Amino acid sequence: MTATNPLLTRHAQALDLFGDRVHAVRDDQWDAPTPCADWAVRDLVNHLVSEQLWVPPLVRDGVTVEAIGDTFDGDVLGPDPAASWDASARASRAAFTAPDALDRVVHLSYADTTAAFYCAQLVTDLAVHAWDLSRAIGADERLPDDLLEFTVREVTPYAADLTKSGLFAAPVEPPPGADAQTELLCLLGREP
């Protein structure tokens, strides 16, 4: 299914990229700082695992955010963060690749939307946080061109609203002649 759907292809690519970075975290790096204020590596990975855990109930089961409540709050990594990531990524991938999954209505905290829109938001979050994790652990920070292009197209229309949400830092002025990745990161409040 991913081969015929560009959104699912980007989702799979973003999951794999973030997963590669999770598996590259050394034991002594879980408490290392990240570009995300107040988040260490473990907090960042926990956030993305939690995000993937939300996908099956929201997309597959049609459950509301209110019904899920605090199920995925707190530490969802347990003693093996990489295994927790792998399990959550598999569940997310399976929910989105189920027949007609992208056409379903998802009940998010701010509105009902299509699962396709929700998936695109997750791709963006995965891509940007893959950069955050790469920076934190000293891995290759370059985002693949096709994933970068998708993320720029996806986030640009609502980037200003992200700062208002309190979940993203204010945009940073990119340096003259900045490439697309630097511009994206600056738009999302990162200091590349």
N, C-alpha and C. Protein backbone atom coordinates (compact mmCIF):
# COMPACT_ATOMS: atom_id res chain seq x y z
N MET A 1 0.82 -1.20 0.00
CA MET A 1 0.00 0.00 0.00
C MET A 1 0.86 1.26 0.00
N THR A 2 1.99 1.25 0.73
CA THR A 2 2.81 2.45 0.79
C THR A 2 3.41 2.80 -0.57
N ALA A 3 3.65 1.80 -1.41
CA ALA A 3 4.25 2.08 -2.71
C ALA A 3 3.32 2.89 -3.59
N THR A 4 2.02 2.79 -3.39
CA THR A 4 1.07 3.51 -4.24
C THR A 4 0.55 4.78 -3.59
N ASN A 5 0.86 5.02 -2.35
CA ASN A 5 0.36 6.20 -1.67
C ASN A 5 1.54 7.03 -1.17
N PRO A 6 1.76 8.23 -1.72
CA PRO A 6 2.90 9.04 -1.32
C PRO A 6 2.91 9.41 0.17
N LEU A 7 1.74 9.63 0.74
CA LEU A 7 1.67 9.97 2.16
C LEU A 7 2.15 8.80 3.01
N LEU A 8 1.70 7.60 2.69
CA LEU A 8 2.13 6.43 3.46
C LEU A 8 3.61 6.14 3.24
N THR A 9 4.11 6.45 2.05
CA THR A 9 5.55 6.30 1.80
C THR A 9 6.34 7.24 2.69
N ARG A 10 5.91 8.50 2.79
CA ARG A 10 6.60 9.46 3.66
C ARG A 10 6.45 9.07 5.14
N HIS A 11 5.28 8.57 5.52
CA HIS A 11 5.09 8.13 6.91
C HIS A 11 6.06 6.99 7.25
N ALA A 12 6.14 6.01 6.37
CA ALA A 12 7.06 4.89 6.60
C ALA A 12 8.51 5.39 6.66
N GLN A 13 8.85 6.30 5.77
CA GLN A 13 10.21 6.85 5.75
C GLN A 13 10.52 7.59 7.05
N ALA A 14 9.57 8.39 7.54
CA ALA A 14 9.78 9.15 8.77
C ALA A 14 9.88 8.22 9.97
N LEU A 15 9.03 7.20 10.02
CA LEU A 15 9.13 6.22 11.11
C LEU A 15 10.50 5.54 11.09
N ASP A 16 10.93 5.14 9.91
CA ASP A 16 12.23 4.44 9.80
C ASP A 16 13.39 5.36 10.19
N LEU A 17 13.34 6.61 9.76
CA LEU A 17 14.40 7.55 10.09
C LEU A 17 14.48 7.76 11.60
N PHE A 18 13.35 8.02 12.22
CA PHE A 18 13.37 8.22 13.67
C PHE A 18 13.80 6.94 14.38
N GLY A 19 13.32 5.80 13.89
CA GLY A 19 13.70 4.52 14.49
C GLY A 19 15.19 4.26 14.39
N ASP A 20 15.79 4.60 13.26
CA ASP A 20 17.24 4.45 13.12
C ASP A 20 17.97 5.26 14.19
N ARG A 21 17.48 6.47 14.44
CA ARG A 21 18.12 7.33 15.46
C ARG A 21 17.91 6.76 16.86
N VAL A 22 16.72 6.23 17.13
CA VAL A 22 16.46 5.63 18.45
C VAL A 22 17.44 4.48 18.70
N HIS A 23 17.64 3.67 17.69
CA HIS A 23 18.54 2.52 17.84
C HIS A 23 20.01 2.94 17.92
N ALA A 24 20.31 4.18 17.56
CA ALA A 24 21.68 4.68 17.64
C ALA A 24 22.00 5.31 18.99
N VAL A 25 20.98 5.50 19.83
CA VAL A 25 21.22 6.13 21.15
C VAL A 25 22.04 5.17 22.01
N ARG A 26 23.17 5.67 22.51
CA ARG A 26 23.99 4.87 23.41
C ARG A 26 23.41 4.94 24.83
N ASP A 27 23.75 3.98 25.65
CA ASP A 27 23.24 3.93 27.02
C ASP A 27 23.53 5.21 27.79
N ASP A 28 24.66 5.85 27.50
CA ASP A 28 25.03 7.06 28.25
C ASP A 28 24.42 8.33 27.66
N GLN A 29 23.55 8.20 26.65
CA GLN A 29 22.96 9.38 26.01
C GLN A 29 21.50 9.64 26.36
N TRP A 30 20.86 8.77 27.08
CA TRP A 30 19.43 8.92 27.35
C TRP A 30 19.10 10.18 28.15
N ASP A 31 20.05 10.68 28.91
CA ASP A 31 19.82 11.90 29.69
C ASP A 31 20.42 13.14 29.02
N ALA A 32 20.95 12.98 27.82
CA ALA A 32 21.56 14.11 27.10
C ALA A 32 20.48 15.13 26.71
N PRO A 33 20.85 16.42 26.69
CA PRO A 33 19.88 17.45 26.27
C PRO A 33 19.58 17.36 24.78
N THR A 34 18.42 17.87 24.41
CA THR A 34 18.02 17.94 23.01
C THR A 34 17.72 19.40 22.66
N PRO A 35 17.53 19.72 21.39
CA PRO A 35 17.13 21.08 21.02
C PRO A 35 15.74 21.46 21.55
N CYS A 36 14.98 20.50 22.03
CA CYS A 36 13.65 20.76 22.61
C CYS A 36 13.83 21.17 24.06
N ALA A 37 13.42 22.38 24.38
CA ALA A 37 13.59 22.90 25.74
C ALA A 37 13.02 21.92 26.77
N ASP A 38 13.79 21.68 27.80
CA ASP A 38 13.39 20.83 28.93
C ASP A 38 13.26 19.35 28.61
N TRP A 39 13.66 18.92 27.43
CA TRP A 39 13.58 17.50 27.09
C TRP A 39 14.96 16.91 26.90
N ALA A 40 15.21 15.84 27.63
CA ALA A 40 16.38 15.01 27.38
C ALA A 40 16.03 14.02 26.27
N VAL A 41 17.00 13.26 25.84
CA VAL A 41 16.77 12.27 24.79
C VAL A 41 15.63 11.32 25.16
N ARG A 42 15.63 10.85 26.40
CA ARG A 42 14.56 9.92 26.82
C ARG A 42 13.19 10.58 26.73
N ASP A 43 13.08 11.85 27.11
CA ASP A 43 11.80 12.56 27.02
C ASP A 43 11.34 12.68 25.58
N LEU A 44 12.27 13.00 24.70
CA LEU A 44 11.94 13.15 23.28
C LEU A 44 11.44 11.84 22.69
N VAL A 45 12.15 10.76 22.96
CA VAL A 45 11.74 9.45 22.44
C VAL A 45 10.41 9.05 23.07
N ASN A 46 10.24 9.31 24.35
CA ASN A 46 8.97 9.00 25.01
C ASN A 46 7.81 9.73 24.32
N HIS A 47 8.03 10.99 23.97
CA HIS A 47 7.00 11.77 23.28
C HIS A 47 6.59 11.11 21.97
N LEU A 48 7.57 10.67 21.18
CA LEU A 48 7.26 10.07 19.89
C LEU A 48 6.65 8.69 20.03
N VAL A 49 7.08 7.92 21.03
CA VAL A 49 6.44 6.62 21.27
C VAL A 49 4.99 6.84 21.67
N SER A 50 4.76 7.76 22.58
CA SER A 50 3.39 8.07 22.99
C SER A 50 2.54 8.49 21.79
N GLU A 51 3.10 9.34 20.94
CA GLU A 51 2.38 9.79 19.75
C GLU A 51 1.96 8.62 18.87
N GLN A 52 2.86 7.65 18.70
CA GLN A 52 2.52 6.49 17.86
C GLN A 52 1.49 5.60 18.54
N LEU A 53 1.51 5.55 19.86
CA LEU A 53 0.53 4.73 20.58
C LEU A 53 -0.89 5.28 20.43
N TRP A 54 -1.01 6.58 20.21
CA TRP A 54 -2.32 7.19 20.00
C TRP A 54 -2.95 6.77 18.67
N VAL A 55 -2.14 6.44 17.68
CA VAL A 55 -2.65 6.22 16.33
C VAL A 55 -3.67 5.08 16.25
N PRO A 56 -3.40 3.87 16.75
CA PRO A 56 -4.41 2.81 16.60
C PRO A 56 -5.78 3.15 17.20
N PRO A 57 -5.85 3.64 18.44
CA PRO A 57 -7.20 3.94 18.92
C PRO A 57 -7.89 5.06 18.16
N LEU A 58 -7.13 6.08 17.74
CA LEU A 58 -7.74 7.19 17.02
C LEU A 58 -8.13 6.80 15.60
N VAL A 59 -7.24 6.14 14.88
CA VAL A 59 -7.47 5.84 13.46
C VAL A 59 -8.24 4.53 13.27
N ARG A 60 -7.78 3.49 13.88
CA ARG A 60 -8.40 2.17 13.69
C ARG A 60 -9.74 2.06 14.40
N ASP A 61 -9.78 2.56 15.66
CA ASP A 61 -10.95 2.32 16.50
C ASP A 61 -11.92 3.50 16.55
N GLY A 62 -11.51 4.68 16.07
CA GLY A 62 -12.39 5.84 16.09
C GLY A 62 -12.67 6.40 17.48
N VAL A 63 -11.78 6.13 18.41
CA VAL A 63 -11.93 6.58 19.79
C VAL A 63 -11.62 8.08 19.87
N THR A 64 -12.23 8.76 20.80
CA THR A 64 -11.95 10.19 20.99
C THR A 64 -10.77 10.38 21.93
N VAL A 65 -10.19 11.56 21.87
CA VAL A 65 -9.10 11.91 22.77
C VAL A 65 -9.57 11.82 24.22
N GLU A 66 -10.78 12.29 24.46
CA GLU A 66 -11.32 12.27 25.82
C GLU A 66 -11.44 10.84 26.34
N ALA A 67 -11.85 9.92 25.49
CA ALA A 67 -12.00 8.54 25.92
C ALA A 67 -10.64 7.89 26.23
N ILE A 68 -9.62 8.29 25.49
CA ILE A 68 -8.27 7.75 25.74
C ILE A 68 -7.71 8.34 27.04
N GLY A 69 -8.04 9.61 27.27
CA GLY A 69 -7.63 10.25 28.53
C GLY A 69 -6.14 10.26 28.73
N ASP A 70 -5.70 9.82 29.89
CA ASP A 70 -4.28 9.86 30.25
C ASP A 70 -3.59 8.52 30.05
N THR A 71 -4.18 7.65 29.24
CA THR A 71 -3.64 6.31 29.02
C THR A 71 -2.16 6.33 28.63
N PHE A 72 -1.77 7.28 27.80
CA PHE A 72 -0.40 7.31 27.30
C PHE A 72 0.44 8.42 27.94
N ASP A 73 0.01 8.92 29.07
CA ASP A 73 0.80 9.91 29.81
C ASP A 73 1.92 9.21 30.57
N GLY A 74 2.92 9.97 30.94
CA GLY A 74 4.02 9.42 31.73
C GLY A 74 5.00 8.65 30.87
N ASP A 75 5.78 7.80 31.53
CA ASP A 75 6.83 7.03 30.86
C ASP A 75 6.21 5.82 30.16
N VAL A 76 6.27 5.81 28.83
CA VAL A 76 5.77 4.67 28.07
C VAL A 76 6.93 3.86 27.47
N LEU A 77 8.17 4.22 27.87
CA LEU A 77 9.34 3.54 27.30
C LEU A 77 9.72 2.26 28.03
N GLY A 78 9.48 2.23 29.34
CA GLY A 78 9.89 1.06 30.10
C GLY A 78 11.39 0.86 30.08
N PRO A 79 11.84 -0.36 30.35
CA PRO A 79 13.28 -0.62 30.46
C PRO A 79 14.00 -0.71 29.12
N ASP A 80 13.27 -0.86 28.02
CA ASP A 80 13.90 -1.00 26.70
C ASP A 80 13.27 0.00 25.73
N PRO A 81 13.77 1.25 25.73
CA PRO A 81 13.17 2.28 24.88
C PRO A 81 13.13 1.92 23.40
N ALA A 82 14.17 1.28 22.89
CA ALA A 82 14.18 0.93 21.46
C ALA A 82 13.09 -0.08 21.13
N ALA A 83 12.89 -1.06 21.99
CA ALA A 83 11.82 -2.04 21.76
C ALA A 83 10.45 -1.38 21.86
N SER A 84 10.31 -0.43 22.78
CA SER A 84 9.04 0.30 22.90
C SER A 84 8.79 1.11 21.65
N TRP A 85 9.84 1.75 21.12
CA TRP A 85 9.70 2.48 19.87
C TRP A 85 9.25 1.54 18.75
N ASP A 86 9.95 0.41 18.60
CA ASP A 86 9.64 -0.52 17.53
C ASP A 86 8.19 -0.97 17.57
N ALA A 87 7.70 -1.30 18.75
CA ALA A 87 6.32 -1.77 18.90
C ALA A 87 5.32 -0.66 18.55
N SER A 88 5.59 0.54 19.02
CA SER A 88 4.66 1.65 18.75
C SER A 88 4.68 2.02 17.27
N ALA A 89 5.85 1.99 16.64
CA ALA A 89 5.96 2.30 15.22
C ALA A 89 5.23 1.27 14.37
N ARG A 90 5.36 -0.01 14.73
CA ARG A 90 4.63 -1.06 14.00
C ARG A 90 3.12 -0.85 14.11
N ALA A 91 2.66 -0.51 15.31
CA ALA A 91 1.22 -0.31 15.52
C ALA A 91 0.71 0.90 14.72
N SER A 92 1.49 1.97 14.71
CA SER A 92 1.11 3.17 13.96
C SER A 92 1.05 2.87 12.47
N ARG A 93 2.08 2.21 11.97
CA ARG A 93 2.15 1.86 10.55
C ARG A 93 0.96 0.98 10.16
N ALA A 94 0.65 -0.01 10.99
CA ALA A 94 -0.46 -0.91 10.69
C ALA A 94 -1.79 -0.18 10.67
N ALA A 95 -1.99 0.75 11.59
CA ALA A 95 -3.25 1.49 11.64
C ALA A 95 -3.44 2.35 10.40
N PHE A 96 -2.38 3.03 9.97
CA PHE A 96 -2.51 3.91 8.81
C PHE A 96 -2.57 3.15 7.49
N THR A 97 -2.00 1.95 7.41
CA THR A 97 -2.00 1.21 6.15
C THR A 97 -3.19 0.27 6.01
N ALA A 98 -4.05 0.22 6.99
CA ALA A 98 -5.26 -0.61 6.88
C ALA A 98 -6.13 -0.07 5.74
N PRO A 99 -6.92 -0.92 5.11
CA PRO A 99 -7.77 -0.46 4.01
C PRO A 99 -8.64 0.74 4.41
N ASP A 100 -8.63 1.75 3.59
CA ASP A 100 -9.44 2.97 3.77
C ASP A 100 -9.12 3.76 5.05
N ALA A 101 -8.02 3.46 5.70
CA ALA A 101 -7.69 4.14 6.96
C ALA A 101 -7.54 5.64 6.79
N LEU A 102 -6.91 6.08 5.71
CA LEU A 102 -6.65 7.51 5.53
C LEU A 102 -7.93 8.31 5.28
N ASP A 103 -9.01 7.63 4.91
CA ASP A 103 -10.30 8.31 4.68
C ASP A 103 -11.14 8.42 5.94
N ARG A 104 -10.72 7.79 7.00
CA ARG A 104 -11.51 7.82 8.24
C ARG A 104 -11.44 9.19 8.90
N VAL A 105 -12.42 9.44 9.76
CA VAL A 105 -12.44 10.65 10.56
C VAL A 105 -11.72 10.36 11.87
N VAL A 106 -10.85 11.27 12.24
CA VAL A 106 -10.10 11.15 13.50
C VAL A 106 -10.55 12.29 14.41
N HIS A 107 -10.84 11.94 15.65
CA HIS A 107 -11.33 12.93 16.63
C HIS A 107 -10.14 13.43 17.45
N LEU A 108 -9.55 14.54 17.00
CA LEU A 108 -8.40 15.11 17.69
C LEU A 108 -8.87 16.12 18.74
N SER A 109 -7.97 16.60 19.55
CA SER A 109 -8.35 17.52 20.63
C SER A 109 -8.87 18.85 20.10
N TYR A 110 -8.41 19.28 18.94
CA TYR A 110 -8.80 20.59 18.42
C TYR A 110 -9.90 20.51 17.35
N ALA A 111 -10.14 19.33 16.77
CA ALA A 111 -11.18 19.21 15.74
C ALA A 111 -11.22 17.78 15.23
N ASP A 112 -12.30 17.47 14.53
CA ASP A 112 -12.36 16.23 13.77
C ASP A 112 -11.70 16.50 12.43
N THR A 113 -10.92 15.54 11.96
CA THR A 113 -10.19 15.71 10.71
C THR A 113 -10.04 14.35 10.04
N THR A 114 -9.49 14.34 8.86
CA THR A 114 -9.24 13.05 8.21
C THR A 114 -7.98 12.42 8.79
N ALA A 115 -7.94 11.13 8.71
CA ALA A 115 -6.73 10.42 9.14
C ALA A 115 -5.55 10.81 8.27
N ALA A 116 -5.80 11.17 7.01
CA ALA A 116 -4.71 11.60 6.12
C ALA A 116 -4.06 12.87 6.65
N PHE A 117 -4.86 13.83 7.10
CA PHE A 117 -4.32 15.07 7.66
C PHE A 117 -3.51 14.77 8.93
N TYR A 118 -4.05 13.92 9.76
CA TYR A 118 -3.38 13.51 11.00
C TYR A 118 -2.05 12.82 10.68
N CYS A 119 -2.06 11.94 9.70
CA CYS A 119 -0.84 11.24 9.30
C CYS A 119 0.22 12.23 8.82
N ALA A 120 -0.19 13.21 8.02
CA ALA A 120 0.76 14.20 7.51
C ALA A 120 1.37 15.00 8.65
N GLN A 121 0.58 15.32 9.66
CA GLN A 121 1.12 16.03 10.83
C GLN A 121 2.15 15.17 11.55
N LEU A 122 1.87 13.88 11.67
CA LEU A 122 2.82 12.99 12.34
C LEU A 122 4.11 12.85 11.55
N VAL A 123 4.01 12.83 10.23
CA VAL A 123 5.22 12.77 9.40
C VAL A 123 6.10 13.97 9.70
N THR A 124 5.49 15.14 9.76
CA THR A 124 6.24 16.36 10.06
C THR A 124 6.89 16.27 11.43
N ASP A 125 6.13 15.83 12.42
CA ASP A 125 6.67 15.74 13.78
C ASP A 125 7.82 14.73 13.83
N LEU A 126 7.65 13.60 13.19
CA LEU A 126 8.71 12.59 13.16
C LEU A 126 9.97 13.13 12.49
N ALA A 127 9.82 13.82 11.37
CA ALA A 127 10.98 14.33 10.64
C ALA A 127 11.74 15.36 11.48
N VAL A 128 11.03 16.31 12.04
CA VAL A 128 11.69 17.37 12.81
C VAL A 128 12.32 16.78 14.07
N HIS A 129 11.62 15.88 14.72
CA HIS A 129 12.19 15.27 15.94
C HIS A 129 13.33 14.30 15.61
N ALA A 130 13.36 13.76 14.39
CA ALA A 130 14.52 12.96 13.98
C ALA A 130 15.75 13.86 13.94
N TRP A 131 15.56 15.09 13.47
CA TRP A 131 16.67 16.05 13.49
C TRP A 131 17.07 16.36 14.92
N ASP A 132 16.08 16.61 15.79
CA ASP A 132 16.38 16.90 17.20
C ASP A 132 17.19 15.77 17.83
N LEU A 133 16.74 14.55 17.58
CA LEU A 133 17.42 13.40 18.17
C LEU A 133 18.82 13.24 17.58
N SER A 134 18.94 13.46 16.28
CA SER A 134 20.25 13.38 15.63
C SER A 134 21.21 14.39 16.25
N ARG A 135 20.74 15.60 16.44
CA ARG A 135 21.58 16.65 17.03
C ARG A 135 22.01 16.23 18.44
N ALA A 136 21.08 15.68 19.21
CA ALA A 136 21.36 15.32 20.61
C ALA A 136 22.38 14.20 20.74
N ILE A 137 22.37 13.25 19.80
CA ILE A 137 23.25 12.09 19.94
C ILE A 137 24.45 12.14 19.00
N GLY A 138 24.56 13.21 18.21
CA GLY A 138 25.70 13.34 17.31
C GLY A 138 25.59 12.49 16.06
N ALA A 139 24.37 12.20 15.61
CA ALA A 139 24.15 11.42 14.39
C ALA A 139 24.02 12.36 13.19
N ASP A 140 23.95 11.80 12.01
CA ASP A 140 23.77 12.57 10.79
C ASP A 140 22.47 13.36 10.88
N GLU A 141 22.53 14.68 10.75
CA GLU A 141 21.37 15.54 10.91
C GLU A 141 20.63 15.81 9.62
N ARG A 142 21.17 15.38 8.50
CA ARG A 142 20.55 15.69 7.21
C ARG A 142 19.27 14.89 7.01
N LEU A 143 18.17 15.59 6.74
CA LEU A 143 16.91 14.93 6.43
C LEU A 143 16.91 14.57 4.95
N PRO A 144 16.37 13.41 4.59
CA PRO A 144 16.28 13.04 3.17
C PRO A 144 15.50 14.11 2.40
N ASP A 145 15.93 14.41 1.19
CA ASP A 145 15.33 15.49 0.41
C ASP A 145 13.82 15.36 0.24
N ASP A 146 13.35 14.14 -0.09
CA ASP A 146 11.91 13.98 -0.32
C ASP A 146 11.12 14.17 0.96
N LEU A 147 11.65 13.72 2.08
CA LEU A 147 10.98 13.93 3.36
C LEU A 147 11.01 15.39 3.76
N LEU A 148 12.11 16.05 3.49
CA LEU A 148 12.24 17.48 3.77
C LEU A 148 11.23 18.28 2.94
N GLU A 149 11.16 17.99 1.65
CA GLU A 149 10.21 18.70 0.78
C GLU A 149 8.77 18.51 1.26
N PHE A 150 8.42 17.28 1.62
CA PHE A 150 7.08 17.00 2.12
C PHE A 150 6.81 17.81 3.40
N THR A 151 7.76 17.81 4.30
CA THR A 151 7.59 18.48 5.59
C THR A 151 7.44 19.98 5.41
N VAL A 152 8.23 20.57 4.54
CA VAL A 152 8.11 22.01 4.28
C VAL A 152 6.72 22.33 3.73
N ARG A 153 6.26 21.56 2.76
CA ARG A 153 4.92 21.78 2.18
C ARG A 153 3.83 21.61 3.23
N GLU A 154 4.00 20.63 4.10
CA GLU A 154 2.98 20.32 5.11
C GLU A 154 2.89 21.40 6.18
N VAL A 155 4.01 21.81 6.72
CA VAL A 155 3.99 22.67 7.91
C VAL A 155 3.87 24.16 7.59
N THR A 156 4.28 24.59 6.43
CA THR A 156 4.29 26.02 6.11
C THR A 156 2.92 26.69 6.31
N PRO A 157 1.82 26.10 5.85
CA PRO A 157 0.53 26.79 6.01
C PRO A 157 0.10 27.03 7.47
N TYR A 158 0.54 26.20 8.39
CA TYR A 158 0.10 26.38 9.77
C TYR A 158 1.25 26.61 10.76
N ALA A 159 2.40 26.95 10.25
CA ALA A 159 3.58 27.13 11.12
C ALA A 159 3.36 28.23 12.16
N ALA A 160 2.71 29.32 11.79
CA ALA A 160 2.48 30.41 12.74
C ALA A 160 1.62 29.95 13.92
N ASP A 161 0.70 29.04 13.67
CA ASP A 161 -0.17 28.54 14.73
C ASP A 161 0.59 27.65 15.72
N LEU A 162 1.68 27.05 15.29
CA LEU A 162 2.43 26.16 16.17
C LEU A 162 3.02 26.92 17.36
N THR A 163 3.53 28.11 17.12
CA THR A 163 4.07 28.91 18.21
C THR A 163 2.97 29.25 19.21
N LYS A 164 1.79 29.60 18.71
CA LYS A 164 0.66 29.93 19.58
C LYS A 164 0.24 28.75 20.45
N SER A 165 0.48 27.54 19.97
CA SER A 165 0.08 26.35 20.72
C SER A 165 0.93 26.15 21.97
N GLY A 166 2.10 26.79 22.01
CA GLY A 166 2.99 26.61 23.14
C GLY A 166 3.86 25.37 23.01
N LEU A 167 3.68 24.60 21.95
CA LEU A 167 4.44 23.37 21.76
C LEU A 167 5.71 23.58 20.97
N PHE A 168 5.83 24.74 20.32
CA PHE A 168 7.00 25.05 19.51
C PHE A 168 7.53 26.41 19.89
N ALA A 169 8.82 26.57 19.80
CA ALA A 169 9.44 27.87 20.05
C ALA A 169 9.13 28.81 18.89
N ALA A 170 9.30 30.08 19.13
CA ALA A 170 9.08 31.07 18.09
C ALA A 170 10.08 30.86 16.95
N PRO A 171 9.68 31.19 15.74
CA PRO A 171 10.61 31.05 14.61
C PRO A 171 11.89 31.85 14.82
N VAL A 172 12.95 31.36 14.22
CA VAL A 172 14.27 31.99 14.28
C VAL A 172 14.57 32.49 12.87
N GLU A 173 15.19 33.65 12.77
CA GLU A 173 15.55 34.19 11.45
C GLU A 173 16.64 33.32 10.84
N PRO A 174 16.39 32.74 9.64
CA PRO A 174 17.43 31.92 9.03
C PRO A 174 18.58 32.79 8.51
N PRO A 175 19.77 32.23 8.48
CA PRO A 175 20.90 33.00 7.94
C PRO A 175 20.72 33.22 6.44
N PRO A 176 21.36 34.25 5.90
CA PRO A 176 21.28 34.50 4.45
C PRO A 176 21.75 33.26 3.68
N GLY A 177 21.02 32.95 2.61
CA GLY A 177 21.40 31.83 1.76
C GLY A 177 21.12 30.47 2.38
N ALA A 178 20.26 30.41 3.41
CA ALA A 178 19.99 29.14 4.09
C ALA A 178 19.35 28.14 3.13
N ASP A 179 19.69 26.87 3.32
CA ASP A 179 19.08 25.82 2.51
C ASP A 179 17.69 25.50 3.07
N ALA A 180 16.95 24.63 2.39
CA ALA A 180 15.57 24.32 2.76
C ALA A 180 15.49 23.72 4.16
N GLN A 181 16.43 22.86 4.53
CA GLN A 181 16.38 22.26 5.87
C GLN A 181 16.59 23.31 6.94
N THR A 182 17.55 24.20 6.75
CA THR A 182 17.80 25.25 7.74
C THR A 182 16.58 26.16 7.86
N GLU A 183 15.97 26.50 6.74
CA GLU A 183 14.77 27.34 6.78
C GLU A 183 13.64 26.66 7.54
N LEU A 184 13.46 25.35 7.30
CA LEU A 184 12.43 24.61 8.02
C LEU A 184 12.69 24.61 9.52
N LEU A 185 13.91 24.31 9.89
CA LEU A 185 14.25 24.25 11.31
C LEU A 185 14.08 25.61 11.98
N CYS A 186 14.48 26.66 11.30
CA CYS A 186 14.29 28.02 11.84
C CYS A 186 12.81 28.35 11.97
N LEU A 187 12.02 27.95 10.99
CA LEU A 187 10.58 28.17 11.03
C LEU A 187 9.96 27.52 12.26
N LEU A 188 10.53 26.40 12.67
CA LEU A 188 10.01 25.65 13.82
C LEU A 188 10.78 25.93 15.11
N GLY A 189 11.51 27.05 15.12
CA GLY A 189 12.14 27.50 16.35
C GLY A 189 13.44 26.82 16.71
N ARG A 190 14.05 26.12 15.77
CA ARG A 190 15.34 25.46 16.04
C ARG A 190 16.49 26.38 15.65
N GLU A 191 17.60 26.22 16.32
CA GLU A 191 18.84 26.93 15.99
C GLU A 191 19.77 25.91 15.35
N PRO A 192 19.74 25.80 14.01
CA PRO A 192 20.57 24.78 13.33
C PRO A 192 22.06 25.02 13.53
